[in-house]
Every structure is written in C-alpha cells, then in structure tokens.
C-alpha atoms as a PDB file:
ATOM      1  CA  PRO A   1      -9.012 -13.751   6.568  1.00  0.00           C
ATOM      2  CA  LEU A   2      -7.458 -12.329   9.906  1.00  0.00           C
ATOM      3  CA  GLY A   3      -9.821 -12.565  12.982  1.00  0.00           C
ATOM      4  CA  GLY A   4      -9.854 -12.116  16.824  1.00  0.00           C
ATOM      5  CA  ALA A   5      -7.652  -9.730  18.503  1.00  0.00           C
ATOM      6  CA  VAL A   6      -5.875  -9.052  15.086  1.00  0.00           C
ATOM      7  CA  SER A   7      -8.639  -7.546  13.610  1.00  0.00           C
ATOM      8  CA  GLN A   8      -8.731  -4.730  15.909  1.00  0.00           C
ATOM      9  CA  ARG A   9      -8.020  -1.731  14.179  1.00  0.00           C
ATOM     10  CA  ARG A  10      -5.252  -0.391  15.785  1.00  0.00           C
ATOM     11  CA  LEU A  11      -3.463  -4.437  14.828  1.00  0.00           C
ATOM     12  CA  LEU A  12      -4.235  -4.252  11.371  1.00  0.00           C
ATOM     13  CA  ALA A  13      -2.855  -0.088  10.765  1.00  0.00           C
ATOM     14  CA  LEU A  14       0.505  -1.319  12.323  1.00  0.00           C
ATOM     15  CA  LEU A  15       0.572  -4.238  10.143  1.00  0.00           C
ATOM     16  CA  ALA A  16      -0.358  -1.584   6.991  1.00  0.00           C
ATOM     17  CA  VAL A  17       2.464   0.752   7.977  1.00  0.00           C
ATOM     18  CA  LEU A  18       5.292  -2.316   8.945  1.00  0.00           C
ATOM     19  CA  ALA A  19       4.559  -3.151   5.314  1.00  0.00           C
ATOM     20  CA  VAL A  20       4.580  -0.193   3.687  1.00  0.00           C
ATOM     21  CA  ALA A  21       8.095   0.107   5.759  1.00  0.00           C
ATOM     22  CA  GLY A  22       8.817  -3.150   3.954  1.00  0.00           C
ATOM     23  CA  GLU A  23      12.986  -4.143   4.609  1.00  0.00           C
ATOM     24  CA  ARG A  24      13.877  -0.307   5.888  1.00  0.00           C
ATOM     25  CA  GLY A  25      11.006  -1.198   8.953  1.00  0.00           C
ATOM     26  CA  LEU A  26       9.816   1.930  11.191  1.00  0.00           C
ATOM     27  CA  SER A  27      11.357   2.887  14.568  1.00  0.00           C
ATOM     28  CA  ARG A  28       9.183   2.132  17.879  1.00  0.00           C
ATOM     29  CA  ASP A  29       8.683   5.847  18.043  1.00  0.00           C
ATOM     30  CA  LYS A  30       7.707   6.693  14.256  1.00  0.00           C
ATOM     31  CA  LEU A  31       4.661   3.898  15.108  1.00  0.00           C
ATOM     32  CA  LEU A  32       4.123   5.060  18.739  1.00  0.00           C
ATOM     33  CA  SER A  33       3.565   8.664  17.086  1.00  0.00           C
ATOM     34  CA  LEU A  34       1.593   7.119  14.384  1.00  0.00           C
ATOM     35  CA  LEU A  35      -1.126   5.098  15.615  1.00  0.00           C
ATOM     36  CA  TRP A  36      -0.954   6.647  19.559  1.00  0.00           C
ATOM     37  CA  PRO A  37       0.247  10.366  18.923  1.00  0.00           C
ATOM     38  CA  ASP A  38      -1.395  11.910  22.050  1.00  0.00           C
ATOM     39  CA  GLY A  39      -0.938   9.121  24.611  1.00  0.00           C
ATOM     40  CA  ASP A  40       1.079   9.011  27.651  1.00  0.00           C
ATOM     41  CA  PRO A  41       4.299   7.237  26.609  1.00  0.00           C
ATOM     42  CA  GLU A  42       4.759   4.913  28.952  1.00  0.00           C
ATOM     43  CA  ARG A  43       1.396   3.913  28.444  1.00  0.00           C
ATOM     44  CA  THR A  44       1.896   3.757  24.487  1.00  0.00           C
ATOM     45  CA  ARG A  45       4.566   2.202  24.523  1.00  0.00           C
ATOM     46  CA  HIS A  46       3.128  -0.929  26.293  1.00  0.00           C
ATOM     47  CA  SER A  47      -0.025  -0.428  23.962  1.00  0.00           C
ATOM     48  CA  LEU A  48       2.427  -1.296  21.156  1.00  0.00           C
ATOM     49  CA  THR A  49       4.150  -4.405  23.036  1.00  0.00           C
ATOM     50  CA  GLN A  50       0.990  -5.829  23.264  1.00  0.00           C
ATOM     51  CA  ALA A  51      -0.240  -4.782  19.777  1.00  0.00           C
ATOM     52  CA  LEU A  52       3.058  -6.978  18.520  1.00  0.00           C
ATOM     53  CA  TYR A  53       1.893  -9.528  21.167  1.00  0.00           C
ATOM     54  CA  HIS A  54      -1.134 -10.320  20.119  1.00  0.00           C
ATOM     55  CA  THR A  55      -0.680  -9.623  15.762  1.00  0.00           C
ATOM     56  CA  ARG A  56       1.794 -12.365  16.453  1.00  0.00           C
ATOM     57  CA  ARG A  57      -0.478 -14.988  18.900  1.00  0.00           C
ATOM     58  CA  ALA A  58      -3.349 -14.017  16.592  1.00  0.00           C
ATOM     59  CA  LEU A  59      -1.218 -14.892  13.508  1.00  0.00           C
ATOM     60  CA  ASP A  60       0.633 -17.982  15.649  1.00  0.00           C
ATOM     61  CA  ALA A  61       3.726 -16.487  14.691  1.00  0.00           C
ATOM     62  CA  ASP A  62       5.993 -15.552  17.194  1.00  0.00           C
ATOM     63  CA  ASP A  63       8.852 -14.410  14.522  1.00  0.00           C
ATOM     64  CA  LEU A  64       6.022 -11.894  12.433  1.00  0.00           C
ATOM     65  CA  PHE A  65       8.052  -9.505  13.180  1.00  0.00           C
ATOM     66  CA  VAL A  66      12.314  -8.626  12.991  1.00  0.00           C
ATOM     67  CA  GLY A  67      14.399  -5.785  14.557  1.00  0.00           C
ATOM     68  CA  SER A  68      13.980  -4.623  18.348  1.00  0.00           C
ATOM     69  CA  SER A  69      14.509  -0.703  17.987  1.00  0.00           C
ATOM     70  CA  ASP A  70      13.553  -0.777  14.356  1.00  0.00           C
ATOM     71  CA  LEU A  71      10.695  -3.114  13.555  1.00  0.00           C
ATOM     72  CA  ARG A  72      10.138  -4.690  10.416  1.00  0.00           C
ATOM     73  CA  ILE A  73       7.536  -7.750   9.241  1.00  0.00           C
ATOM     74  CA  ASN A  74       9.531 -11.327   8.823  1.00  0.00           C
ATOM     75  CA  SER A  75       8.874 -11.493   4.971  1.00  0.00           C
ATOM     76  CA  GLU A  76       9.059 -15.074   5.053  1.00  0.00           C
ATOM     77  CA  ARG A  77       6.148 -15.269   7.259  1.00  0.00           C
ATOM     78  CA  LEU A  78       3.583 -12.725   6.012  1.00  0.00           C
ATOM     79  CA  SER A  79       4.072 -10.699   2.362  1.00  0.00           C
ATOM     80  CA  SER A  80       1.309  -8.328   1.544  1.00  0.00           C
ATOM     81  CA  ASP A  81       0.324  -6.817  -1.595  1.00  0.00           C
ATOM     82  CA  VAL A  82       1.685  -3.358  -1.242  1.00  0.00           C
ATOM     83  CA  ARG A  83       5.756  -5.267  -1.211  1.00  0.00           C
ATOM     84  CA  ASP A  84       4.726  -7.252  -4.481  1.00  0.00           C
ATOM     85  CA  LEU A  85       3.807  -4.157  -6.308  1.00  0.00           C
ATOM     86  CA  GLU A  86       6.856  -2.327  -5.058  1.00  0.00           C
ATOM     87  CA  ARG A  87       9.118  -5.208  -6.021  1.00  0.00           C
ATOM     88  CA  ALA A  88       6.856  -6.243  -9.434  1.00  0.00           C
ATOM     89  CA  VAL A  89       7.382  -2.081 -10.522  1.00  0.00           C
ATOM     90  CA  ALA A  90      11.070  -2.480  -9.213  1.00  0.00           C
ATOM     91  CA  ALA A  91      11.678  -5.608 -11.825  1.00  0.00           C
ATOM     92  CA  GLY A  92       9.928  -3.931 -15.003  1.00  0.00           C
ATOM     93  CA  ASP A  93       7.304  -6.280 -14.543  1.00  0.00           C
ATOM     94  CA  LEU A  94       4.130  -3.490 -14.950  1.00  0.00           C
ATOM     95  CA  GLU A  95       1.653  -5.799 -15.713  1.00  0.00           C
ATOM     96  CA  ARG A  96       2.203  -7.826 -12.869  1.00  0.00           C
ATOM     97  CA  ALA A  97       2.336  -4.807 -11.207  1.00  0.00           C
ATOM     98  CA  ALA A  98      -1.228  -3.934 -12.344  1.00  0.00           C
ATOM     99  CA  PHE A  99      -2.430  -6.966 -12.145  1.00  0.00           C
ATOM    100  CA  ILE A 100      -1.866  -6.512  -7.950  1.00  0.00           C
ATOM    101  CA  TYR A 101      -3.192  -3.154  -8.008  1.00  0.00           C
ATOM    102  CA  LYS A 102      -7.129  -3.350  -6.574  1.00  0.00           C
ATOM    103  CA  GLY A 103      -7.889   0.201  -5.413  1.00  0.00           C
ATOM    104  CA  PRO A 104      -6.755   2.710  -3.524  1.00  0.00           C
ATOM    105  CA  PHE A 105      -4.289   1.757  -0.166  1.00  0.00           C
ATOM    106  CA  LEU A 106      -6.329   1.135   3.007  1.00  0.00           C
ATOM    107  CA  ASP A 107      -9.587   2.559   0.868  1.00  0.00           C
ATOM    108  CA  GLY A 108     -12.465   3.247   3.487  1.00  0.00           C
ATOM    109  CA  PHE A 109      -9.897   2.202   6.617  1.00  0.00           C
ATOM    110  CA  PHE A 110      -9.432   4.530   9.266  1.00  0.00           C
ATOM    111  CA  LEU A 111      -8.182   4.751  12.826  1.00  0.00           C
ATOM    112  CA  THR A 112     -10.404   6.914  15.343  1.00  0.00           C
ATOM    113  CA  GLY A 113      -7.932   9.289  16.999  1.00  0.00           C
ATOM    114  CA  SER A 114      -5.138   9.419  14.500  1.00  0.00           C
ATOM    115  CA  ARG A 115      -5.207  12.330  12.437  1.00  0.00           C
ATOM    116  CA  GLU A 116      -1.408  11.242  12.004  1.00  0.00           C
ATOM    117  CA  PHE A 117      -1.834   8.274  10.837  1.00  0.00           C
ATOM    118  CA  GLU A 118      -4.983   9.195   8.805  1.00  0.00           C
ATOM    119  CA  ASP A 119      -2.222  11.766   7.342  1.00  0.00           C
ATOM    120  CA  TRP A 120       0.061   9.320   6.478  1.00  0.00           C
ATOM    121  CA  ALA A 121      -2.348   6.989   5.301  1.00  0.00           C
ATOM    122  CA  THR A 122      -4.056   9.335   2.942  1.00  0.00           C
ATOM    123  CA  ALA A 123      -0.184  10.470   1.563  1.00  0.00           C
ATOM    124  CA  GLN A 124       0.337   6.613   0.982  1.00  0.00           C
ATOM    125  CA  ARG A 125      -2.998   6.511  -0.960  1.00  0.00           C
ATOM    126  CA  ALA A 126      -1.742   9.175  -3.181  1.00  0.00           C
ATOM    127  CA  ARG A 127       1.883   8.026  -3.790  1.00  0.00           C
ATOM    128  CA  PHE A 128       0.714   3.975  -4.591  1.00  0.00           C
ATOM    129  CA  ALA A 129      -1.796   5.578  -7.200  1.00  0.00           C
ATOM    130  CA  GLY A 130       0.570   7.836  -8.656  1.00  0.00           C
ATOM    131  CA  ILE A 131       2.941   4.591  -8.660  1.00  0.00           C
ATOM    132  CA  VAL A 132       0.416   2.583 -10.676  1.00  0.00           C
ATOM    133  CA  SER A 133      -1.203   5.561 -12.946  1.00  0.00           C
ATOM    134  CA  GLY A 134       3.132   5.864 -14.143  1.00  0.00           C
ATOM    135  CA  VAL A 135       2.753   1.849 -14.363  1.00  0.00           C
ATOM    136  CA  LEU A 136      -0.620   1.857 -16.329  1.00  0.00           C
ATOM    137  CA  ASP A 137       0.670   5.202 -18.569  1.00  0.00           C
ATOM    138  CA  ARG A 138       3.762   3.099 -19.576  1.00  0.00           C
ATOM    139  CA  LEU A 139       1.690  -0.260 -20.648  1.00  0.00           C
ATOM    140  CA  GLY A 140      -0.413   2.205 -22.437  1.00  0.00           C
ATOM    141  CA  ASP A 141       2.231   3.219 -24.178  1.00  0.00           C
ATOM    142  CA  ALA A 142       4.457   0.000 -24.710  1.00  0.00           C
ATOM    143  CA  ALA A 143       0.940  -1.429 -26.545  1.00  0.00           C
ATOM    144  CA  GLU A 144       0.475   1.761 -28.394  1.00  0.00           C
ATOM    145  CA  ALA A 145       3.904   1.528 -29.940  1.00  0.00           C
ATOM    146  CA  SER A 146       3.454  -2.115 -30.234  1.00  0.00           C
ATOM    147  CA  GLY A 147       0.407  -1.629 -33.025  1.00  0.00           C
ATOM    148  CA  ASP A 148      -2.094  -3.523 -30.341  1.00  0.00           C
ATOM    149  CA  ILE A 149      -4.425  -0.711 -29.668  1.00  0.00           C
ATOM    150  CA  ALA A 150      -7.089  -2.433 -28.006  1.00  0.00           C
ATOM    151  CA  ARG A 151      -4.722  -3.636 -25.240  1.00  0.00           C
ATOM    152  CA  ALA A 152      -3.561  -0.164 -25.060  1.00  0.00           C
ATOM    153  CA  VAL A 153      -7.405   1.144 -24.881  1.00  0.00           C
ATOM    154  CA  GLU A 154      -7.124  -1.049 -21.739  1.00  0.00           C
ATOM    155  CA  TRP A 155      -4.548  -0.028 -20.220  1.00  0.00           C
ATOM    156  CA  ARG A 156      -5.365   3.753 -20.696  1.00  0.00           C
ATOM    157  CA  LYS A 157      -8.860   3.005 -19.705  1.00  0.00           C
ATOM    158  CA  ARG A 158      -7.522   1.970 -16.144  1.00  0.00           C
ATOM    159  CA  ARG A 159      -5.157   4.638 -15.997  1.00  0.00           C
ATOM    160  CA  PHE A 160      -8.128   7.080 -16.960  1.00  0.00           C
ATOM    161  CA  ALA A 161     -10.268   4.860 -14.110  1.00  0.00           C
ATOM    162  CA  LEU A 162      -7.710   5.633 -11.394  1.00  0.00           C
ATOM    163  CA  ASP A 163      -8.000  10.252 -12.374  1.00  0.00           C
ATOM    164  CA  PRO A 164     -10.740  11.158 -14.083  1.00  0.00           C
ATOM    165  CA  LEU A 165      -9.908  14.387 -13.746  1.00  0.00           C
ATOM    166  CA  ASP A 166      -6.869  14.239 -15.769  1.00  0.00           C
ATOM    167  CA  SER A 167      -6.797  15.863 -18.465  1.00  0.00           C
ATOM    168  CA  GLY A 168      -3.820  14.165 -19.742  1.00  0.00           C
ATOM    169  CA  ALA A 169      -4.980  11.251 -19.057  1.00  0.00           C
ATOM    170  CA  ALA A 170      -8.498  11.790 -20.549  1.00  0.00           C
ATOM    171  CA  VAL A 171      -6.604  12.981 -23.828  1.00  0.00           C
ATOM    172  CA  ARG A 172      -4.137  10.528 -24.232  1.00  0.00           C
ATOM    173  CA  LEU A 173      -7.460   7.480 -23.891  1.00  0.00           C
ATOM    174  CA  MET A 174      -9.608   9.470 -26.706  1.00  0.00           C
ATOM    175  CA  THR A 175      -5.745   9.871 -28.908  1.00  0.00           C
ATOM    176  CA  THR A 176      -6.110   5.782 -28.389  1.00  0.00           C
ATOM    177  CA  MET A 177      -9.239   5.219 -29.028  1.00  0.00           C
ATOM    178  CA  ALA A 178      -9.242   7.367 -31.979  1.00  0.00           C
ATOM    179  CA  ALA A 179      -6.087   5.374 -33.468  1.00  0.00           C
ATOM    180  CA  GLY A 180      -7.969   2.143 -33.340  1.00  0.00           C
END
C-alpha cells in the first residue's frame, strides 16, 4: 500500500504507464502527452520532473527510474502485475498468467483532464483482457484434451466471465459442460 504523495492520481498513472511500457520504456514526450496533454510544455516538463522526484521519494528508491530521455521502471526496485502477466505468457506458464489476472486493467481508475490517458487505459484494458481470454481458451482446450473436463469447465467459466457477450465462449462452455 502506498500513501502520501505517491497516492496522487497522476503519480499512480505515471507508474501504470511505465509498468506497461516495460523494458522498452517510454519517452518523456509521450508521458507528457498522456498525463498532461493540454499543459504548457515548459510547465508540464517541470510537472513530470516533480512527479518522478515525489515517486522516488515516496517509495524511498532513488534508482526507481532508469533512463533520461526514455524512462522505464527499474524492475529490481519495483515489480508489477502487468509485467509478471506478460512474462508468464511469454514463458508459456499459462496457469500462472491466469492466476495473476485479477480483473480489468485500472478498473475504476481515471485521470481527470486527460482524455489521452483514458483512451490509452481503455486500449490497455482491452489488450490485457484479450491476452487473458486467449490464455483461458488455451487452458480450457488443454484440460479438455487431457480428459479433465471439470478443470476445462472451470477455465471456460472464467473465460466466459471475461466477456459474457462472446457467443464463441458461450458455445465452448456449453459444449464442454455437455461433454461432462
């Protein structure tokens, strides 16, 4: 749990954006356009510098951010569930990926005055839901192929819960349940 200055929405948004950017990082200009889209360029640069400072201070980690023009989070100092999810999928550890995903990305989080951030968050929410949908489909297929119908039904239920309007997911769930 974080309190104090880091609990400010823009600082949390900064951490979220950099967590998603991962090892490739993100340019300062892109951060400015997402977090302070309509501000005076000189003032927004100062705001970013201050946000980075306050976040380092609140987390007591001078080496929290790496880079100067392109910034990224030092993964040795701070981990994130989005990074862990992507790493698990890349490693083929689908059950771990399914375990990590707890719900929509930044669900209920908003940043007043930044439509750009809202659009970015919506796109990321859809991207992560798509990744996890694929993971759950693959887990359901594997469980069904191995004859573990009860486990396949559980995976298919979780998949269907992500998008109850997806007719394909509904059919796969009903078909698996019928097989059981």
